[in-house]
């Protein structure tokens, strides 16, 4: 299944959840903000959001510094 991850095409498996995607793509030592089709998704909802073809997901990590 094709989705867009941070603006790039990404091939994911069927029945992929946001929790699965974050676990595979985000650094484990950082907190990640997740946007799904333009909506912020809280951490407690990541398991319940199943991705569909052409969905758009943005994973954003914060970095200290200036």
PDB file of N, CA and C in Angstrom:
ATOM      1  N   UNK A   1       0.846  -1.164   0.000  1.00  0.00           N
ATOM      2  CA  UNK A   1       0.000   0.000   0.000  1.00  0.00           C
ATOM      3  C   UNK A   1       0.897   1.234   0.000  1.00  0.00           C
ATOM      4  N   UNK A   2       0.572   2.197  -0.842  1.00  0.00           N
ATOM      5  CA  UNK A   2       1.355   3.418  -0.955  1.00  0.00           C
ATOM      6  C   UNK A   2       0.745   4.527  -0.101  1.00  0.00           C
ATOM      7  N   UNK A   3       1.588   5.140   0.757  1.00  0.00           N
ATOM      8  CA  UNK A   3       1.203   6.338   1.495  1.00  0.00           C
ATOM      9  C   UNK A   3       2.293   7.376   1.257  1.00  0.00           C
ATOM     10  N   UNK A   4       2.117   8.533   1.805  1.00  0.00           N
ATOM     11  CA  UNK A   4       3.143   9.570   1.749  1.00  0.00           C
ATOM     12  C   UNK A   4       3.627   9.819   3.171  1.00  0.00           C
ATOM     13  N   UNK A   5       4.919   9.620   3.377  1.00  0.00           N
ATOM     14  CA  UNK A   5       5.538   9.816   4.679  1.00  0.00           C
ATOM     15  C   UNK A   5       6.506  10.979   4.580  1.00  0.00           C
ATOM     16  N   UNK A   6       6.225  12.036   5.299  1.00  0.00           N
ATOM     17  CA  UNK A   6       7.044  13.254   5.251  1.00  0.00           C
ATOM     18  C   UNK A   6       7.252  13.724   3.809  1.00  0.00           C
ATOM     19  N   UNK A   7       6.187  13.637   3.024  1.00  0.00           N
ATOM     20  CA  UNK A   7       6.201  14.136   1.655  1.00  0.00           C
ATOM     21  C   UNK A   7       6.752  13.190   0.608  1.00  0.00           C
ATOM     22  N   UNK A   8       7.244  12.032   1.026  1.00  0.00           N
ATOM     23  CA  UNK A   8       7.831  11.054   0.098  1.00  0.00           C
ATOM     24  C   UNK A   8       6.936   9.814   0.013  1.00  0.00           C
ATOM     25  N   UNK A   9       6.915   9.189  -1.172  1.00  0.00           N
ATOM     26  CA  UNK A   9       6.165   7.942  -1.316  1.00  0.00           C
ATOM     27  C   UNK A   9       6.783   6.882  -0.408  1.00  0.00           C
ATOM     28  N   UNK A  10       5.917   6.099   0.227  1.00  0.00           N
ATOM     29  CA  UNK A  10       6.345   5.053   1.146  1.00  0.00           C
ATOM     30  C   UNK A  10       5.450   3.848   0.931  1.00  0.00           C
ATOM     31  N   UNK A  11       6.065   2.682   0.776  1.00  0.00           N
ATOM     32  CA  UNK A  11       5.303   1.441   0.614  1.00  0.00           C
ATOM     33  C   UNK A  11       5.177   0.767   1.971  1.00  0.00           C
ATOM     34  N   UNK A  12       3.954   0.596   2.415  1.00  0.00           N
ATOM     35  CA  UNK A  12       3.695  -0.062   3.695  1.00  0.00           C
ATOM     36  C   UNK A  12       2.809  -1.270   3.495  1.00  0.00           C
ATOM     37  N   UNK A  13       2.764  -2.100   4.507  1.00  0.00           N
ATOM     38  CA  UNK A  13       1.939  -3.303   4.429  1.00  0.00           C
ATOM     39  C   UNK A  13       0.472  -2.957   4.685  1.00  0.00           C
ATOM     40  N   UNK A  14      -0.395  -3.854   4.285  1.00  0.00           N
ATOM     41  CA  UNK A  14      -1.819  -3.690   4.571  1.00  0.00           C
ATOM     42  C   UNK A  14      -2.019  -3.748   6.082  1.00  0.00           C
ATOM     43  N   UNK A  15      -3.050  -3.111   6.580  1.00  0.00           N
ATOM     44  CA  UNK A  15      -3.377  -3.080   8.008  1.00  0.00           C
ATOM     45  C   UNK A  15      -2.312  -2.387   8.848  1.00  0.00           C
ATOM     46  N   UNK A  16      -1.540  -1.497   8.250  1.00  0.00           N
ATOM     47  CA  UNK A  16      -0.518  -0.735   8.961  1.00  0.00           C
ATOM     48  C   UNK A  16      -1.193   0.335   9.820  1.00  0.00           C
ATOM     49  N   UNK A  17      -0.801   0.414  11.075  1.00  0.00           N
ATOM     50  CA  UNK A  17      -1.318   1.458  11.960  1.00  0.00           C
ATOM     51  C   UNK A  17      -0.263   2.548  12.117  1.00  0.00           C
ATOM     52  N   UNK A  18      -0.688   3.678  12.625  1.00  0.00           N
ATOM     53  CA  UNK A  18       0.276   4.741  12.907  1.00  0.00           C
ATOM     54  C   UNK A  18       1.294   4.274  13.946  1.00  0.00           C
ATOM     55  N   UNK A  19       0.872   3.496  14.914  1.00  0.00           N
ATOM     56  CA  UNK A  19       1.803   2.974  15.920  1.00  0.00           C
ATOM     57  C   UNK A  19       2.896   2.129  15.260  1.00  0.00           C
ATOM     58  N   UNK A  20       2.518   1.274  14.305  1.00  0.00           N
ATOM     59  CA  UNK A  20       3.491   0.453  13.581  1.00  0.00           C
ATOM     60  C   UNK A  20       4.482   1.337  12.828  1.00  0.00           C
ATOM     61  N   UNK A  21       3.966   2.339  12.151  1.00  0.00           N
ATOM     62  CA  UNK A  21       4.796   3.229  11.353  1.00  0.00           C
ATOM     63  C   UNK A  21       5.775   4.003  12.230  1.00  0.00           C
ATOM     64  N   UNK A  22       5.297   4.534  13.339  1.00  0.00           N
ATOM     65  CA  UNK A  22       6.170   5.274  14.253  1.00  0.00           C
ATOM     66  C   UNK A  22       7.258   4.350  14.800  1.00  0.00           C
ATOM     67  N   UNK A  23       6.897   3.138  15.176  1.00  0.00           N
ATOM     68  CA  UNK A  23       7.870   2.189  15.719  1.00  0.00           C
ATOM     69  C   UNK A  23       8.970   1.880  14.711  1.00  0.00           C
ATOM     70  N   UNK A  24       8.634   1.842  13.436  1.00  0.00           N
ATOM     71  CA  UNK A  24       9.608   1.507  12.388  1.00  0.00           C
ATOM     72  C   UNK A  24      10.428   2.705  11.925  1.00  0.00           C
ATOM     73  N   UNK A  25       9.840   3.891  11.949  1.00  0.00           N
ATOM     74  CA  UNK A  25      10.466   5.035  11.285  1.00  0.00           C
ATOM     75  C   UNK A  25      11.038   6.102  12.216  1.00  0.00           C
ATOM     76  N   UNK A  26      10.574   6.187  13.438  1.00  0.00           N
ATOM     77  CA  UNK A  26      11.001   7.271  14.323  1.00  0.00           C
ATOM     78  C   UNK A  26      12.122   6.797  15.246  1.00  0.00           C
ATOM     79  N   UNK A  27      13.050   7.679  15.550  1.00  0.00           N
ATOM     80  CA  UNK A  27      14.100   7.319  16.513  1.00  0.00           C
ATOM     81  C   UNK A  27      13.481   6.960  17.857  1.00  0.00           C
ATOM     82  N   UNK A  28      13.921   5.869  18.441  1.00  0.00           N
ATOM     83  CA  UNK A  28      13.303   5.397  19.680  1.00  0.00           C
ATOM     84  C   UNK A  28      13.623   6.275  20.882  1.00  0.00           C
ATOM     85  N   UNK A  29      14.648   7.091  20.786  1.00  0.00           N
ATOM     86  CA  UNK A  29      15.031   7.916  21.927  1.00  0.00           C
ATOM     87  C   UNK A  29      14.408   9.311  21.895  1.00  0.00           C
ATOM     88  N   UNK A  30      13.530   9.564  20.952  1.00  0.00           N
ATOM     89  CA  UNK A  30      12.905  10.894  20.844  1.00  0.00           C
ATOM     90  C   UNK A  30      11.396  10.782  20.793  1.00  0.00           C
ATOM     91  N   UNK A  31      10.763  11.814  21.319  1.00  0.00           N
ATOM     92  CA  UNK A  31       9.306  11.913  21.197  1.00  0.00           C
ATOM     93  C   UNK A  31       8.981  12.422  19.798  1.00  0.00           C
ATOM     94  N   UNK A  32       7.864  11.972  19.272  1.00  0.00           N
ATOM     95  CA  UNK A  32       7.492  12.298  17.900  1.00  0.00           C
ATOM     96  C   UNK A  32       6.080  12.868  17.877  1.00  0.00           C
ATOM     97  N   UNK A  33       5.902  13.956  17.140  1.00  0.00           N
ATOM     98  CA  UNK A  33       4.567  14.476  16.862  1.00  0.00           C
ATOM     99  C   UNK A  33       4.108  13.834  15.557  1.00  0.00           C
ATOM    100  N   UNK A  34       2.846  13.408  15.521  1.00  0.00           N
ATOM    101  CA  UNK A  34       2.321  12.696  14.354  1.00  0.00           C
ATOM    102  C   UNK A  34       1.129  13.452  13.787  1.00  0.00           C
ATOM    103  N   UNK A  35       1.207  13.746  12.487  1.00  0.00           N
ATOM    104  CA  UNK A  35       0.079  14.326  11.768  1.00  0.00           C
ATOM    105  C   UNK A  35      -0.388  13.312  10.739  1.00  0.00           C
ATOM    106  N   UNK A  36      -1.683  13.066  10.719  1.00  0.00           N
ATOM    107  CA  UNK A  36      -2.285  12.128   9.775  1.00  0.00           C
ATOM    108  C   UNK A  36      -3.316  12.893   8.969  1.00  0.00           C
ATOM    109  N   UNK A  37      -3.045  13.048   7.686  1.00  0.00           N
ATOM    110  CA  UNK A  37      -3.924  13.819   6.802  1.00  0.00           C
ATOM    111  C   UNK A  37      -4.239  15.195   7.393  1.00  0.00           C
ATOM    112  N   UNK A  38      -3.211  15.821   7.966  1.00  0.00           N
ATOM    113  CA  UNK A  38      -3.331  17.173   8.471  1.00  0.00           C
ATOM    114  C   UNK A  38      -3.845  17.301   9.893  1.00  0.00           C
ATOM    115  N   UNK A  39      -4.171  16.189  10.531  1.00  0.00           N
ATOM    116  CA  UNK A  39      -4.698  16.201  11.897  1.00  0.00           C
ATOM    117  C   UNK A  39      -3.649  15.660  12.865  1.00  0.00           C
ATOM    118  N   UNK A  40      -3.458  16.346  13.990  1.00  0.00           N
ATOM    119  CA  UNK A  40      -2.548  15.859  15.019  1.00  0.00           C
ATOM    120  C   UNK A  40      -3.179  14.640  15.686  1.00  0.00           C
ATOM    121  N   UNK A  41      -2.381  13.584  15.826  1.00  0.00           N
ATOM    122  CA  UNK A  41      -2.849  12.354  16.465  1.00  0.00           C
ATOM    123  C   UNK A  41      -2.091  12.185  17.776  1.00  0.00           C
ATOM    124  N   UNK A  42      -2.808  12.068  18.870  1.00  0.00           N
ATOM    125  CA  UNK A  42      -2.174  11.898  20.172  1.00  0.00           C
ATOM    126  C   UNK A  42      -1.657  10.467  20.326  1.00  0.00           C
ATOM    127  N   UNK A  43      -0.673  10.304  21.205  1.00  0.00           N
ATOM    128  CA  UNK A  43      -0.024   9.003  21.391  1.00  0.00           C
ATOM    129  C   UNK A  43      -1.015   7.910  21.766  1.00  0.00           C
ATOM    130  N   UNK A  44      -2.033   8.240  22.528  1.00  0.00           N
ATOM    131  CA  UNK A  44      -3.000   7.225  22.947  1.00  0.00           C
ATOM    132  C   UNK A  44      -3.904   6.743  21.813  1.00  0.00           C
ATOM    133  N   UNK A  45      -3.864   7.416  20.672  1.00  0.00           N
ATOM    134  CA  UNK A  45      -4.703   7.008  19.529  1.00  0.00           C
ATOM    135  C   UNK A  45      -3.915   6.329  18.411  1.00  0.00           C
ATOM    136  N   UNK A  46      -2.591   6.250  18.519  1.00  0.00           N
ATOM    137  CA  UNK A  46      -1.779   5.720  17.425  1.00  0.00           C
ATOM    138  C   UNK A  46      -2.160   4.296  17.041  1.00  0.00           C
ATOM    139  N   UNK A  47      -2.495   3.457  18.019  1.00  0.00           N
ATOM    140  CA  UNK A  47      -2.869   2.059  17.732  1.00  0.00           C
ATOM    141  C   UNK A  47      -4.193   1.946  16.999  1.00  0.00           C
ATOM    142  N   UNK A  48      -5.059   2.923  17.148  1.00  0.00           N
ATOM    143  CA  UNK A  48      -6.401   2.806  16.577  1.00  0.00           C
ATOM    144  C   UNK A  48      -6.530   3.414  15.182  1.00  0.00           C
ATOM    145  N   UNK A  49      -5.483   4.078  14.690  1.00  0.00           N
ATOM    146  CA  UNK A  49      -5.558   4.692  13.357  1.00  0.00           C
ATOM    147  C   UNK A  49      -4.893   3.774  12.342  1.00  0.00           C
ATOM    148  N   UNK A  50      -5.711   3.200  11.468  1.00  0.00           N
ATOM    149  CA  UNK A  50      -5.217   2.335  10.392  1.00  0.00           C
ATOM    150  C   UNK A  50      -5.043   3.176   9.136  1.00  0.00           C
ATOM    151  N   UNK A  51      -3.919   2.976   8.471  1.00  0.00           N
ATOM    152  CA  UNK A  51      -3.622   3.771   7.283  1.00  0.00           C
ATOM    153  C   UNK A  51      -4.316   3.208   6.050  1.00  0.00           C
ATOM    154  N   UNK A  52      -4.632   4.107   5.131  1.00  0.00           N
ATOM    155  CA  UNK A  52      -5.281   3.750   3.869  1.00  0.00           C
ATOM    156  C   UNK A  52      -4.406   4.268   2.727  1.00  0.00           C
ATOM    157  N   UNK A  53      -4.584   3.710   1.527  1.00  0.00           N
ATOM    158  CA  UNK A  53      -3.788   4.178   0.392  1.00  0.00           C
ATOM    159  C   UNK A  53      -3.890   5.695   0.222  1.00  0.00           C
ATOM    160  N   UNK A  54      -2.754   6.297  -0.095  1.00  0.00           N
ATOM    161  CA  UNK A  54      -2.624   7.733  -0.350  1.00  0.00           C
ATOM    162  C   UNK A  54      -2.773   8.615   0.884  1.00  0.00           C
ATOM    163  N   UNK A  55      -2.821   8.016   2.092  1.00  0.00           N
ATOM    164  CA  UNK A  55      -2.803   8.833   3.303  1.00  0.00           C
ATOM    165  C   UNK A  55      -1.495   9.603   3.370  1.00  0.00           C
ATOM    166  N   UNK A  56      -1.530  10.710   4.075  1.00  0.00           N
ATOM    167  CA  UNK A  56      -0.342  11.541   4.264  1.00  0.00           C
ATOM    168  C   UNK A  56      -0.018  11.593   5.750  1.00  0.00           C
ATOM    169  N   UNK A  57       1.218  11.219   6.060  1.00  0.00           N
ATOM    170  CA  UNK A  57       1.673  11.181   7.444  1.00  0.00           C
ATOM    171  C   UNK A  57       2.942  12.017   7.561  1.00  0.00           C
ATOM    172  N   UNK A  58       2.985  12.841   8.584  1.00  0.00           N
ATOM    173  CA  UNK A  58       4.185  13.610   8.907  1.00  0.00           C
ATOM    174  C   UNK A  58       4.634  13.193  10.292  1.00  0.00           C
ATOM    175  N   UNK A  59       5.897  12.794  10.412  1.00  0.00           N
ATOM    176  CA  UNK A  59       6.503  12.484  11.703  1.00  0.00           C
ATOM    177  C   UNK A  59       7.505  13.580  11.997  1.00  0.00           C
ATOM    178  N   UNK A  60       7.306  14.275  13.094  1.00  0.00           N
ATOM    179  CA  UNK A  60       8.126  15.448  13.421  1.00  0.00           C
ATOM    180  C   UNK A  60       8.791  15.226  14.764  1.00  0.00           C
ATOM    181  N   UNK A  61      10.117  15.336  14.787  1.00  0.00           N
ATOM    182  CA  UNK A  61      10.853  15.274  16.055  1.00  0.00           C
ATOM    183  C   UNK A  61      11.404  16.654  16.358  1.00  0.00           C
ATOM    184  N   UNK A  62      11.501  16.954  17.635  1.00  0.00           N
ATOM    185  CA  UNK A  62      12.058  18.226  18.053  1.00  0.00           C
ATOM    186  C   UNK A  62      13.540  18.049  18.372  1.00  0.00           C
ATOM    187  N   UNK A  63      14.317  19.025  17.971  1.00  0.00           N
ATOM    188  CA  UNK A  63      15.758  18.987  18.228  1.00  0.00           C
ATOM    189  C   UNK A  63      16.159  20.210  19.024  1.00  0.00           C
ATOM    190  N   UNK A  64      16.927  20.027  20.086  1.00  0.00           N
ATOM    191  CA  UNK A  64      17.374  21.177  20.859  1.00  0.00           C
ATOM    192  C   UNK A  64      18.416  21.979  20.090  1.00  0.00           C
ATOM    193  N   UNK A  65      18.565  23.209  20.456  1.00  0.00           N
ATOM    194  CA  UNK A  65      19.585  24.048  19.820  1.00  0.00           C
ATOM    195  C   UNK A  65      18.946  25.251  19.153  1.00  0.00           C
ATOM    196  N   UNK A  66      19.747  26.008  18.488  1.00  0.00           N
ATOM    197  CA  UNK A  66      19.204  27.216  17.896  1.00  0.00           C
ATOM    198  C   UNK A  66      19.911  27.627  16.723  1.00  0.00           C
TER     199      UNK A  66
END
